[in-house]
Amino acid sequence: MIRSVVRGTGSFLPERVLSNDEMAKLVDTSDEWIVQRTGIERRHIAADGETTSDLATEAARRALQDADLDIADIDMIVLATSTPDNTFPATAVAVQNRLGMHHGAAYDLQAVCSGFVFALSNADAQIRCNHAKRILVIGAETFSRILDWTDRTTCVLFGDGAGSVVLEAADVDDTNGRGIITSHLRSDGAHKSKLYVDGGPSTTQTVGHLRMEGREVFKHAVGMVTDVVEDAFDAAGIDADDVDWFVPHQANKRIIDASAKKLGIAADKVVLTVQDHGNTSAASIPLALDVACRDGRIKQNDLVLLEAMGGGFTWGSVLVRW
């Protein structure tokens, strides 16, 4: 069978770091308050003129380097983002051009914080049906551009960044072989008002700002995550004990801890990076993956579980044998 194997990973964070103590100078908050409720200690903020495509391009270059591949080896780019450079064209084509790729296809996918999981599933489908042999899958965001910096309930949570993986088609002899084993995606538009941006070309002709009902999001997050993870376990015929690493969307440490506990995943199997970059939406999972691969935690043949939930609501899981 054809499986989508992760060939390489890469990530990039803007140089500017905004600490919790600095946040306390902007809004009525404190380092203690932020850490206690979210686990976030700092976030990275894109510089003036630094765009989502800038971050995405650098993360993609690092993933190609890790995979020991050239851009000529890539057939397609799938970029997950909710903060594109422009309404159109897709930010993916800007990345494609900067990388010097003038063949294949490049397109954006928008599922907010679940974007990378959706993009990975989409790219896997492209590989399985022989539309591409190698795909750059990128999650990149500049959420600092859509924050209301007077709203302490939201501006302390988010940051900017990008992460990428190279997926490659591989022939696998058995179901326990390397590659993406199963993915499960969900959405429910009835929850839009709980996490959304109050602007857009068709409504206000402006970009708008992020709005969130934090308690409502927290209330739904753990149950929704459990739903798609249990589906993954059922599809693969495994349970929590079989998972080597759990790499969740890095939104809030309390949500991550509660999800792992409910799923029966040991705390020492959870990859946690939210403290270093806050919620980077579609970029958070590939950022965490890159960290855990480069520090030696995630190794070949490890069973890795990814999950995310985002505005919409959207939520999903991907189970991959590394």
C-alpha atoms as a PDB file:
ATOM      1  CA  MET A   1       0.000   0.000   0.000  1.00  0.00           C
ATOM      2  CA  ILE A   2       1.035   3.637  -0.455  1.00  0.00           C
ATOM      3  CA  ARG A   3       1.621   5.558   2.775  1.00  0.00           C
ATOM      4  CA  SER A   4       2.549   9.191   3.363  1.00  0.00           C
ATOM      5  CA  VAL A   5       5.797   9.166   5.342  1.00  0.00           C
ATOM      6  CA  VAL A   6       7.244  12.223   7.107  1.00  0.00           C
ATOM      7  CA  ARG A   7      10.624  12.812   5.470  1.00  0.00           C
ATOM      8  CA  GLY A   8      11.610  16.024   7.281  1.00  0.00           C
ATOM      9  CA  THR A   9      10.446  18.808   9.603  1.00  0.00           C
ATOM     10  CA  GLY A  10      11.183  22.515   9.961  1.00  0.00           C
ATOM     11  CA  SER A  11       9.983  25.535  11.914  1.00  0.00           C
ATOM     12  CA  PHE A  12      10.536  29.270  12.250  1.00  0.00           C
ATOM     13  CA  LEU A  13       9.646  31.866  14.880  1.00  0.00           C
ATOM     14  CA  PRO A  14       9.996  35.655  14.511  1.00  0.00           C
ATOM     15  CA  GLU A  15      12.903  37.238  16.348  1.00  0.00           C
ATOM     16  CA  ARG A  16      10.745  39.504  18.518  1.00  0.00           C
ATOM     17  CA  VAL A  17       9.798  37.842  21.829  1.00  0.00           C
ATOM     18  CA  LEU A  18       6.984  39.311  23.941  1.00  0.00           C
ATOM     19  CA  SER A  19       7.136  38.119  27.550  1.00  0.00           C
ATOM     20  CA  ASN A  20       4.261  37.983  30.017  1.00  0.00           C
ATOM     21  CA  ASP A  21       5.833  40.817  31.994  1.00  0.00           C
ATOM     22  CA  GLU A  22       5.779  42.967  28.861  1.00  0.00           C
ATOM     23  CA  MET A  23       2.143  41.971  28.257  1.00  0.00           C
ATOM     24  CA  ALA A  24       1.359  43.284  31.754  1.00  0.00           C
ATOM     25  CA  LYS A  25       2.463  46.728  30.582  1.00  0.00           C
ATOM     26  CA  LEU A  26      -0.069  46.639  27.738  1.00  0.00           C
ATOM     27  CA  VAL A  27      -3.160  45.251  29.489  1.00  0.00           C
ATOM     28  CA  ASP A  28      -4.331  44.497  33.028  1.00  0.00           C
ATOM     29  CA  THR A  29      -2.705  41.103  33.542  1.00  0.00           C
ATOM     30  CA  SER A  30       0.344  39.468  35.121  1.00  0.00           C
ATOM     31  CA  ASP A  31       2.828  36.692  34.467  1.00  0.00           C
ATOM     32  CA  GLU A  32       1.303  34.662  37.306  1.00  0.00           C
ATOM     33  CA  TRP A  33      -2.241  35.044  35.928  1.00  0.00           C
ATOM     34  CA  ILE A  34      -1.244  34.022  32.379  1.00  0.00           C
ATOM     35  CA  VAL A  35       0.922  31.055  33.397  1.00  0.00           C
ATOM     36  CA  GLN A  36      -1.642  29.717  35.872  1.00  0.00           C
ATOM     37  CA  ARG A  37      -4.501  29.782  33.351  1.00  0.00           C
ATOM     38  CA  THR A  38      -2.706  28.947  30.113  1.00  0.00           C
ATOM     39  CA  GLY A  39       0.871  27.775  30.704  1.00  0.00           C
ATOM     40  CA  ILE A  40       2.127  30.461  28.288  1.00  0.00           C
ATOM     41  CA  GLU A  41       5.311  32.283  29.278  1.00  0.00           C
ATOM     42  CA  ARG A  42       6.159  34.130  26.070  1.00  0.00           C
ATOM     43  CA  ARG A  43       5.125  34.505  22.439  1.00  0.00           C
ATOM     44  CA  HIS A  44       6.868  35.626  19.227  1.00  0.00           C
ATOM     45  CA  ILE A  45       5.567  38.612  17.260  1.00  0.00           C
ATOM     46  CA  ALA A  46       6.220  39.259  13.574  1.00  0.00           C
ATOM     47  CA  ALA A  47       8.149  42.437  12.822  1.00  0.00           C
ATOM     48  CA  ASP A  48       6.681  45.270  10.775  1.00  0.00           C
ATOM     49  CA  GLY A  49       6.610  44.064   7.200  1.00  0.00           C
ATOM     50  CA  GLU A  50       7.202  40.423   8.179  1.00  0.00           C
ATOM     51  CA  THR A  51       4.401  38.369   6.646  1.00  0.00           C
ATOM     52  CA  THR A  52       2.883  34.925   6.959  1.00  0.00           C
ATOM     53  CA  SER A  53       4.605  33.918   3.707  1.00  0.00           C
ATOM     54  CA  ASP A  54       7.969  35.034   5.146  1.00  0.00           C
ATOM     55  CA  LEU A  55       7.553  32.706   8.127  1.00  0.00           C
ATOM     56  CA  ALA A  56       6.183  29.874   5.988  1.00  0.00           C
ATOM     57  CA  THR A  57       9.020  30.098   3.455  1.00  0.00           C
ATOM     58  CA  GLU A  58      11.707  29.815   6.116  1.00  0.00           C
ATOM     59  CA  ALA A  59       9.973  26.869   7.825  1.00  0.00           C
ATOM     60  CA  ALA A  60       9.654  25.148   4.436  1.00  0.00           C
ATOM     61  CA  ARG A  61      13.345  25.691   3.660  1.00  0.00           C
ATOM     62  CA  ARG A  62      14.312  24.115   6.974  1.00  0.00           C
ATOM     63  CA  ALA A  63      12.035  21.122   6.355  1.00  0.00           C
ATOM     64  CA  LEU A  64      13.580  20.606   2.913  1.00  0.00           C
ATOM     65  CA  GLN A  65      17.044  20.779   4.432  1.00  0.00           C
ATOM     66  CA  ASP A  66      16.092  18.247   7.097  1.00  0.00           C
ATOM     67  CA  ALA A  67      14.698  15.950   4.399  1.00  0.00           C
ATOM     68  CA  ASP A  68      17.849  16.412   2.280  1.00  0.00           C
ATOM     69  CA  LEU A  69      15.683  17.448  -0.658  1.00  0.00           C
ATOM     70  CA  ASP A  70      15.574  20.310  -3.147  1.00  0.00           C
ATOM     71  CA  ILE A  71      12.465  22.256  -4.113  1.00  0.00           C
ATOM     72  CA  ALA A  72      12.626  20.520  -7.497  1.00  0.00           C
ATOM     73  CA  ASP A  73      11.745  17.294  -5.653  1.00  0.00           C
ATOM     74  CA  ILE A  74       8.427  18.733  -4.381  1.00  0.00           C
ATOM     75  CA  ASP A  75       5.209  18.284  -6.362  1.00  0.00           C
ATOM     76  CA  MET A  76       2.788  20.320  -4.260  1.00  0.00           C
ATOM     77  CA  ILE A  77       2.499  22.806  -1.383  1.00  0.00           C
ATOM     78  CA  VAL A  78      -0.462  22.813   1.012  1.00  0.00           C
ATOM     79  CA  LEU A  79      -0.409  25.757   3.421  1.00  0.00           C
ATOM     80  CA  ALA A  80      -2.753  26.006   6.400  1.00  0.00           C
ATOM     81  CA  THR A  81      -3.367  29.582   7.552  1.00  0.00           C
ATOM     82  CA  SER A  82      -6.096  31.912   8.788  1.00  0.00           C
ATOM     83  CA  THR A  83      -3.883  34.974   8.355  1.00  0.00           C
ATOM     84  CA  PRO A  84      -2.938  35.055   4.657  1.00  0.00           C
ATOM     85  CA  ASP A  85      -0.783  37.776   3.134  1.00  0.00           C
ATOM     86  CA  ASN A  86      -3.676  38.791   0.885  1.00  0.00           C
ATOM     87  CA  THR A  87      -7.325  37.904   0.396  1.00  0.00           C
ATOM     88  CA  PHE A  88      -6.003  36.358  -2.814  1.00  0.00           C
ATOM     89  CA  PRO A  89      -3.906  34.870  -4.278  1.00  0.00           C
ATOM     90  CA  ALA A  90      -3.190  32.050  -1.858  1.00  0.00           C
ATOM     91  CA  THR A  91      -0.208  32.603   0.421  1.00  0.00           C
ATOM     92  CA  ALA A  92       1.007  29.180  -0.744  1.00  0.00           C
ATOM     93  CA  VAL A  93       1.774  30.549  -4.213  1.00  0.00           C
ATOM     94  CA  ALA A  94       3.923  33.302  -2.668  1.00  0.00           C
ATOM     95  CA  VAL A  95       5.860  30.584  -0.831  1.00  0.00           C
ATOM     96  CA  GLN A  96       6.065  28.546  -4.022  1.00  0.00           C
ATOM     97  CA  ASN A  97       7.557  31.503  -5.896  1.00  0.00           C
ATOM     98  CA  ARG A  98      10.058  32.367  -3.145  1.00  0.00           C
ATOM     99  CA  LEU A  99      11.269  28.782  -3.053  1.00  0.00           C
ATOM    100  CA  GLY A 100      11.821  28.904  -6.828  1.00  0.00           C
ATOM    101  CA  MET A 101       9.155  26.298  -7.579  1.00  0.00           C
ATOM    102  CA  HIS A 102       7.490  26.859 -10.962  1.00  0.00           C
ATOM    103  CA  HIS A 103       5.819  23.479 -11.373  1.00  0.00           C
ATOM    104  CA  GLY A 104       3.116  21.505  -9.581  1.00  0.00           C
ATOM    105  CA  ALA A 105       0.459  23.213  -7.479  1.00  0.00           C
ATOM    106  CA  ALA A 106       0.217  25.288  -4.322  1.00  0.00           C
ATOM    107  CA  TYR A 107      -2.889  26.233  -2.363  1.00  0.00           C
ATOM    108  CA  ASP A 108      -4.116  27.404   1.036  1.00  0.00           C
ATOM    109  CA  LEU A 109      -6.400  25.541   3.424  1.00  0.00           C
ATOM    110  CA  GLN A 110      -8.308  27.305   6.196  1.00  0.00           C
ATOM    111  CA  ALA A 111      -9.500  25.467   9.314  1.00  0.00           C
ATOM    112  CA  VAL A 112      -8.064  27.863  11.931  1.00  0.00           C
ATOM    113  CA  CYS A 113      -6.227  26.014  14.739  1.00  0.00           C
ATOM    114  CA  SER A 114      -7.101  22.643  13.187  1.00  0.00           C
ATOM    115  CA  GLY A 115      -5.568  23.796   9.907  1.00  0.00           C
ATOM    116  CA  PHE A 116      -2.402  21.710  10.013  1.00  0.00           C
ATOM    117  CA  VAL A 117      -4.302  18.516  10.836  1.00  0.00           C
ATOM    118  CA  PHE A 118      -6.721  19.224   7.963  1.00  0.00           C
ATOM    119  CA  ALA A 119      -3.818  20.049   5.618  1.00  0.00           C
ATOM    120  CA  LEU A 120      -1.929  16.889   6.579  1.00  0.00           C
ATOM    121  CA  SER A 121      -5.025  14.778   5.926  1.00  0.00           C
ATOM    122  CA  ASN A 122      -5.585  16.541   2.601  1.00  0.00           C
ATOM    123  CA  ALA A 123      -1.973  16.052   1.509  1.00  0.00           C
ATOM    124  CA  ASP A 124      -2.131  12.397   2.539  1.00  0.00           C
ATOM    125  CA  ALA A 125      -5.156  11.936   0.268  1.00  0.00           C
ATOM    126  CA  GLN A 126      -3.272  13.565  -2.631  1.00  0.00           C
ATOM    127  CA  ILE A 127      -0.396  11.135  -2.152  1.00  0.00           C
ATOM    128  CA  ARG A 128      -2.606   8.064  -1.754  1.00  0.00           C
ATOM    129  CA  CYS A 129      -4.376   8.795  -5.058  1.00  0.00           C
ATOM    130  CA  ASN A 130      -1.047   9.412  -6.852  1.00  0.00           C
ATOM    131  CA  HIS A 131      -1.556  13.130  -7.472  1.00  0.00           C
ATOM    132  CA  ALA A 132       1.806  13.844  -5.862  1.00  0.00           C
ATOM    133  CA  LYS A 133       4.832  11.976  -4.537  1.00  0.00           C
ATOM    134  CA  ARG A 134       6.219  14.675  -2.244  1.00  0.00           C
ATOM    135  CA  ILE A 135       4.292  17.514  -0.618  1.00  0.00           C
ATOM    136  CA  LEU A 136       5.344  20.396   1.595  1.00  0.00           C
ATOM    137  CA  VAL A 137       2.690  20.770   4.300  1.00  0.00           C
ATOM    138  CA  ILE A 138       2.964  24.081   6.142  1.00  0.00           C
ATOM    139  CA  GLY A 139       1.132  25.755   9.011  1.00  0.00           C
ATOM    140  CA  ALA A 140       1.899  29.483   9.271  1.00  0.00           C
ATOM    141  CA  GLU A 141       0.244  32.378  11.089  1.00  0.00           C
ATOM    142  CA  THR A 142       0.634  36.034  12.019  1.00  0.00           C
ATOM    143  CA  PHE A 143      -2.205  36.147  14.533  1.00  0.00           C
ATOM    144  CA  SER A 144      -0.745  39.301  16.084  1.00  0.00           C
ATOM    145  CA  ARG A 145      -2.295  41.154  13.103  1.00  0.00           C
ATOM    146  CA  ILE A 146      -5.860  40.197  14.044  1.00  0.00           C
ATOM    147  CA  LEU A 147      -5.698  40.645  17.819  1.00  0.00           C
ATOM    148  CA  ASP A 148      -7.453  43.361  19.786  1.00  0.00           C
ATOM    149  CA  TRP A 149      -4.520  44.492  21.920  1.00  0.00           C
ATOM    150  CA  THR A 150      -6.897  46.041  24.467  1.00  0.00           C
ATOM    151  CA  ASP A 151      -8.651  42.702  25.139  1.00  0.00           C
ATOM    152  CA  ARG A 152      -6.646  40.902  27.817  1.00  0.00           C
ATOM    153  CA  THR A 153      -8.706  37.720  27.449  1.00  0.00           C
ATOM    154  CA  THR A 154      -7.379  37.123  23.921  1.00  0.00           C
ATOM    155  CA  CYS A 155      -4.214  39.135  23.233  1.00  0.00           C
ATOM    156  CA  VAL A 156      -2.179  37.232  25.845  1.00  0.00           C
ATOM    157  CA  LEU A 157      -2.917  33.884  24.216  1.00  0.00           C
ATOM    158  CA  PHE A 158      -1.668  34.105  20.657  1.00  0.00           C
ATOM    159  CA  GLY A 159       1.624  34.425  18.810  1.00  0.00           C
ATOM    160  CA  ASP A 160       3.170  34.157  15.347  1.00  0.00           C
ATOM    161  CA  GLY A 161       5.160  31.329  13.799  1.00  0.00           C
ATOM    162  CA  ALA A 162       5.382  28.616  11.159  1.00  0.00           C
ATOM    163  CA  GLY A 163       6.122  24.920  10.924  1.00  0.00           C
ATOM    164  CA  SER A 164       6.403  22.473   8.045  1.00  0.00           C
ATOM    165  CA  VAL A 165       6.813  18.820   7.176  1.00  0.00           C
ATOM    166  CA  VAL A 166       7.754  17.062   3.954  1.00  0.00           C
ATOM    167  CA  LEU A 167       5.430  14.165   3.182  1.00  0.00           C
ATOM    168  CA  GLU A 168       6.692  11.487   0.814  1.00  0.00           C
ATOM    169  CA  ALA A 169       4.952   8.530  -0.809  1.00  0.00           C
ATOM    170  CA  ALA A 170       6.312   5.165   0.301  1.00  0.00           C
ATOM    171  CA  ASP A 171       5.389   1.550  -0.406  1.00  0.00           C
ATOM    172  CA  VAL A 172       4.513  -0.175   2.855  1.00  0.00           C
ATOM    173  CA  ASP A 173       4.012  -3.927   3.189  1.00  0.00           C
ATOM    174  CA  ASP A 174       1.845  -4.031   6.311  1.00  0.00           C
ATOM    175  CA  THR A 175      -0.535  -1.896   8.361  1.00  0.00           C
ATOM    176  CA  ASN A 176       2.091  -1.380  11.062  1.00  0.00           C
ATOM    177  CA  GLY A 177       4.511   0.257   8.622  1.00  0.00           C
ATOM    178  CA  ARG A 178       5.623   3.886   8.630  1.00  0.00           C
ATOM    179  CA  GLY A 179       3.423   6.755   7.501  1.00  0.00           C
ATOM    180  CA  ILE A 180       0.007   8.260   8.169  1.00  0.00           C
ATOM    181  CA  ILE A 181      -2.248   5.471   9.393  1.00  0.00           C
ATOM    182  CA  THR A 182      -5.548   7.273   9.810  1.00  0.00           C
ATOM    183  CA  SER A 183      -7.050  10.760  10.048  1.00  0.00           C
ATOM    184  CA  HIS A 184     -10.411  11.982  11.311  1.00  0.00           C
ATOM    185  CA  LEU A 185     -11.871  15.445  10.673  1.00  0.00           C
ATOM    186  CA  ARG A 186     -14.945  17.187  12.080  1.00  0.00           C
ATOM    187  CA  SER A 187     -16.656  20.579  12.043  1.00  0.00           C
ATOM    188  CA  ASP A 188     -19.806  22.142  13.448  1.00  0.00           C
ATOM    189  CA  GLY A 189     -20.725  25.664  12.367  1.00  0.00           C
ATOM    190  CA  ALA A 190     -23.260  26.019  15.189  1.00  0.00           C
ATOM    191  CA  HIS A 191     -20.348  27.081  17.424  1.00  0.00           C
ATOM    192  CA  LYS A 192     -19.116  29.963  15.262  1.00  0.00           C
ATOM    193  CA  SER A 193     -19.869  32.682  17.822  1.00  0.00           C
ATOM    194  CA  LYS A 194     -17.607  31.055  20.404  1.00  0.00           C
ATOM    195  CA  LEU A 195     -14.407  31.691  18.411  1.00  0.00           C
ATOM    196  CA  TYR A 196     -14.327  33.901  15.312  1.00  0.00           C
ATOM    197  CA  VAL A 197     -12.986  37.068  13.700  1.00  0.00           C
ATOM    198  CA  ASP A 198     -15.469  39.926  13.451  1.00  0.00           C
ATOM    199  CA  GLY A 199     -14.512  41.020   9.946  1.00  0.00           C
ATOM    200  CA  GLY A 200     -14.042  39.875   6.375  1.00  0.00           C
ATOM    201  CA  PRO A 201     -14.256  41.003   2.736  1.00  0.00           C
ATOM    202  CA  SER A 202     -17.880  39.939   2.298  1.00  0.00           C
ATOM    203  CA  THR A 203     -19.192  41.342   5.601  1.00  0.00           C
ATOM    204  CA  THR A 204     -17.269  44.367   6.863  1.00  0.00           C
ATOM    205  CA  GLN A 205     -14.661  44.840   4.109  1.00  0.00           C
ATOM    206  CA  THR A 206     -12.074  44.852   6.902  1.00  0.00           C
ATOM    207  CA  VAL A 207      -9.803  42.245   8.485  1.00  0.00           C
ATOM    208  CA  GLY A 208     -11.497  42.431  11.907  1.00  0.00           C
ATOM    209  CA  HIS A 209     -10.330  41.152  15.292  1.00  0.00           C
ATOM    210  CA  LEU A 210     -10.378  37.780  16.984  1.00  0.00           C
ATOM    211  CA  ARG A 211     -13.233  37.258  19.460  1.00  0.00           C
ATOM    212  CA  MET A 212     -13.530  34.305  21.812  1.00  0.00           C
ATOM    213  CA  GLU A 213     -15.750  32.972  24.571  1.00  0.00           C
ATOM    214  CA  GLY A 214     -12.936  31.311  26.479  1.00  0.00           C
ATOM    215  CA  ARG A 215     -15.000  29.262  28.905  1.00  0.00           C
ATOM    216  CA  GLU A 216     -17.181  27.890  26.128  1.00  0.00           C
ATOM    217  CA  VAL A 217     -14.150  26.906  24.051  1.00  0.00           C
ATOM    218  CA  PHE A 218     -12.562  25.155  27.026  1.00  0.00           C
ATOM    219  CA  LYS A 219     -15.820  23.355  27.808  1.00  0.00           C
ATOM    220  CA  HIS A 220     -16.096  21.878  24.314  1.00  0.00           C
ATOM    221  CA  ALA A 221     -12.402  21.294  23.605  1.00  0.00           C
ATOM    222  CA  VAL A 222     -11.706  18.214  25.717  1.00  0.00           C
ATOM    223  CA  GLY A 223     -14.815  16.332  24.569  1.00  0.00           C
ATOM    224  CA  MET A 224     -14.255  17.089  20.905  1.00  0.00           C
ATOM    225  CA  VAL A 225     -10.611  16.074  21.049  1.00  0.00           C
ATOM    226  CA  THR A 226     -11.536  12.806  22.764  1.00  0.00           C
ATOM    227  CA  ASP A 227     -14.064  12.070  20.010  1.00  0.00           C
ATOM    228  CA  VAL A 228     -11.587  12.131  17.102  1.00  0.00           C
ATOM    229  CA  VAL A 229      -8.783  10.462  19.059  1.00  0.00           C
ATOM    230  CA  GLU A 230     -10.997   7.538  20.054  1.00  0.00           C
ATOM    231  CA  ASP A 231     -11.994   7.204  16.391  1.00  0.00           C
ATOM    232  CA  ALA A 232      -8.293   6.993  15.520  1.00  0.00           C
ATOM    233  CA  PHE A 233      -7.721   4.326  18.155  1.00  0.00           C
ATOM    234  CA  ASP A 234     -10.659   2.289  16.855  1.00  0.00           C
ATOM    235  CA  ALA A 235      -9.548   2.590  13.228  1.00  0.00           C
ATOM    236  CA  ALA A 236      -5.983   1.522  14.032  1.00  0.00           C
ATOM    237  CA  GLY A 237      -6.911  -1.128  16.585  1.00  0.00           C
ATOM    238  CA  ILE A 238      -4.780   0.442  19.332  1.00  0.00           C
ATOM    239  CA  ASP A 239      -5.214   2.190  22.658  1.00  0.00           C
ATOM    240  CA  ALA A 240      -3.502   4.998  24.579  1.00  0.00           C
ATOM    241  CA  ASP A 241      -0.729   2.697  25.830  1.00  0.00           C
ATOM    242  CA  ASP A 242       0.431   2.109  22.260  1.00  0.00           C
ATOM    243  CA  VAL A 243       1.041   5.813  21.593  1.00  0.00           C
ATOM    244  CA  ASP A 244       4.668   6.897  21.944  1.00  0.00           C
ATOM    245  CA  TRP A 245       4.056  10.646  21.621  1.00  0.00           C
ATOM    246  CA  PHE A 246       0.990  12.861  21.881  1.00  0.00           C
ATOM    247  CA  VAL A 247       1.428  16.165  19.984  1.00  0.00           C
ATOM    248  CA  PRO A 248      -1.684  18.291  20.546  1.00  0.00           C
ATOM    249  CA  HIS A 249      -2.513  21.762  19.303  1.00  0.00           C
ATOM    250  CA  GLN A 250      -0.610  24.101  21.608  1.00  0.00           C
ATOM    251  CA  ALA A 251      -3.420  26.382  22.772  1.00  0.00           C
ATOM    252  CA  ASN A 252      -3.620  26.063  26.533  1.00  0.00           C
ATOM    253  CA  LYS A 253      -1.756  23.793  28.937  1.00  0.00           C
ATOM    254  CA  ARG A 254      -4.905  23.144  30.985  1.00  0.00           C
ATOM    255  CA  ILE A 255      -6.735  21.873  27.895  1.00  0.00           C
ATOM    256  CA  ILE A 256      -3.750  19.721  26.906  1.00  0.00           C
ATOM    257  CA  ASP A 257      -3.423  18.236  30.407  1.00  0.00           C
ATOM    258  CA  ALA A 258      -7.158  17.544  30.672  1.00  0.00           C
ATOM    259  CA  SER A 259      -7.262  15.925  27.213  1.00  0.00           C
ATOM    260  CA  ALA A 260      -4.291  13.653  27.915  1.00  0.00           C
ATOM    261  CA  LYS A 261      -5.768  12.605  31.262  1.00  0.00           C
ATOM    262  CA  LYS A 262      -9.168  11.809  29.771  1.00  0.00           C
ATOM    263  CA  LEU A 263      -7.554   9.786  26.990  1.00  0.00           C
ATOM    264  CA  GLY A 264      -5.309   7.910  29.421  1.00  0.00           C
ATOM    265  CA  ILE A 265      -2.082   9.202  27.856  1.00  0.00           C
ATOM    266  CA  ALA A 266       0.796   9.531  30.321  1.00  0.00           C
ATOM    267  CA  ALA A 267       2.067  13.054  30.938  1.00  0.00           C
ATOM    268  CA  ASP A 268       5.618  12.120  29.928  1.00  0.00           C
ATOM    269  CA  LYS A 269       4.355  11.255  26.431  1.00  0.00           C
ATOM    270  CA  VAL A 270       2.935  14.740  25.810  1.00  0.00           C
ATOM    271  CA  VAL A 271       4.957  17.190  23.701  1.00  0.00           C
ATOM    272  CA  LEU A 272       4.427  20.630  25.217  1.00  0.00           C
ATOM    273  CA  THR A 273       5.753  23.844  23.632  1.00  0.00           C
ATOM    274  CA  VAL A 274       2.910  26.305  24.320  1.00  0.00           C
ATOM    275  CA  GLN A 275       5.010  27.965  27.037  1.00  0.00           C
ATOM    276  CA  ASP A 276       7.501  29.164  24.430  1.00  0.00           C
ATOM    277  CA  HIS A 277       5.272  30.510  21.660  1.00  0.00           C
ATOM    278  CA  GLY A 278       1.659  30.644  22.846  1.00  0.00           C
ATOM    279  CA  ASN A 279      -1.169  29.656  20.539  1.00  0.00           C
ATOM    280  CA  THR A 280       0.153  29.900  16.985  1.00  0.00           C
ATOM    281  CA  SER A 281      -3.010  28.366  15.501  1.00  0.00           C
ATOM    282  CA  ALA A 282      -2.215  26.215  12.425  1.00  0.00           C
ATOM    283  CA  ALA A 283       1.527  26.541  13.122  1.00  0.00           C
ATOM    284  CA  SER A 284       1.470  25.064  16.618  1.00  0.00           C
ATOM    285  CA  ILE A 285       1.536  21.326  15.854  1.00  0.00           C
ATOM    286  CA  PRO A 286       4.348  21.457  13.254  1.00  0.00           C
ATOM    287  CA  LEU A 287       6.315  23.753  15.594  1.00  0.00           C
ATOM    288  CA  ALA A 288       5.989  21.175  18.387  1.00  0.00           C
ATOM    289  CA  LEU A 289       6.807  18.310  16.017  1.00  0.00           C
ATOM    290  CA  ASP A 290       9.987  20.003  14.863  1.00  0.00           C
ATOM    291  CA  VAL A 291      11.119  20.635  18.438  1.00  0.00           C
ATOM    292  CA  ALA A 292      10.485  17.019  19.468  1.00  0.00           C
ATOM    293  CA  CYS A 293      12.220  15.610  16.377  1.00  0.00           C
ATOM    294  CA  ARG A 294      15.295  17.813  16.710  1.00  0.00           C
ATOM    295  CA  ASP A 295      15.765  17.132  20.420  1.00  0.00           C
ATOM    296  CA  GLY A 296      15.603  13.377  19.781  1.00  0.00           C
ATOM    297  CA  ARG A 297      12.306  12.536  21.429  1.00  0.00           C
ATOM    298  CA  ILE A 298      10.430  11.504  18.290  1.00  0.00           C
ATOM    299  CA  LYS A 299      12.337   8.749  16.508  1.00  0.00           C
ATOM    300  CA  GLN A 300      11.727   6.552  13.481  1.00  0.00           C
ATOM    301  CA  ASN A 301       8.926   4.015  13.997  1.00  0.00           C
ATOM    302  CA  ASP A 302       7.447   5.901  16.972  1.00  0.00           C
ATOM    303  CA  LEU A 303       3.654   6.071  16.962  1.00  0.00           C
ATOM    304  CA  VAL A 304       2.689   9.758  17.065  1.00  0.00           C
ATOM    305  CA  LEU A 305      -0.794  11.110  17.703  1.00  0.00           C
ATOM    306  CA  LEU A 306      -1.715  14.628  16.544  1.00  0.00           C
ATOM    307  CA  GLU A 307      -4.925  16.447  17.434  1.00  0.00           C
ATOM    308  CA  ALA A 308      -6.347  19.957  17.213  1.00  0.00           C
ATOM    309  CA  MET A 309      -9.473  22.022  17.669  1.00  0.00           C
ATOM    310  CA  GLY A 310     -10.165  25.461  16.225  1.00  0.00           C
ATOM    311  CA  GLY A 311     -12.748  28.095  15.414  1.00  0.00           C
ATOM    312  CA  GLY A 312     -15.796  26.981  13.522  1.00  0.00           C
ATOM    313  CA  PHE A 313     -15.651  24.692  15.442  1.00  0.00           C
ATOM    314  CA  THR A 314     -13.265  22.397  13.584  1.00  0.00           C
ATOM    315  CA  TRP A 315     -11.389  19.495  15.124  1.00  0.00           C
ATOM    316  CA  GLY A 316      -9.413  16.497  13.976  1.00  0.00           C
ATOM    317  CA  SER A 317      -6.730  13.881  14.613  1.00  0.00           C
ATOM    318  CA  VAL A 318      -3.933  12.233  12.632  1.00  0.00           C
ATOM    319  CA  LEU A 319      -2.136   9.052  13.687  1.00  0.00           C
ATOM    320  CA  VAL A 320       1.270   8.532  12.094  1.00  0.00           C
ATOM    321  CA  ARG A 321       4.047   5.972  12.394  1.00  0.00           C
ATOM    322  CA  TRP A 322       7.190   8.099  12.227  1.00  0.00           C
END
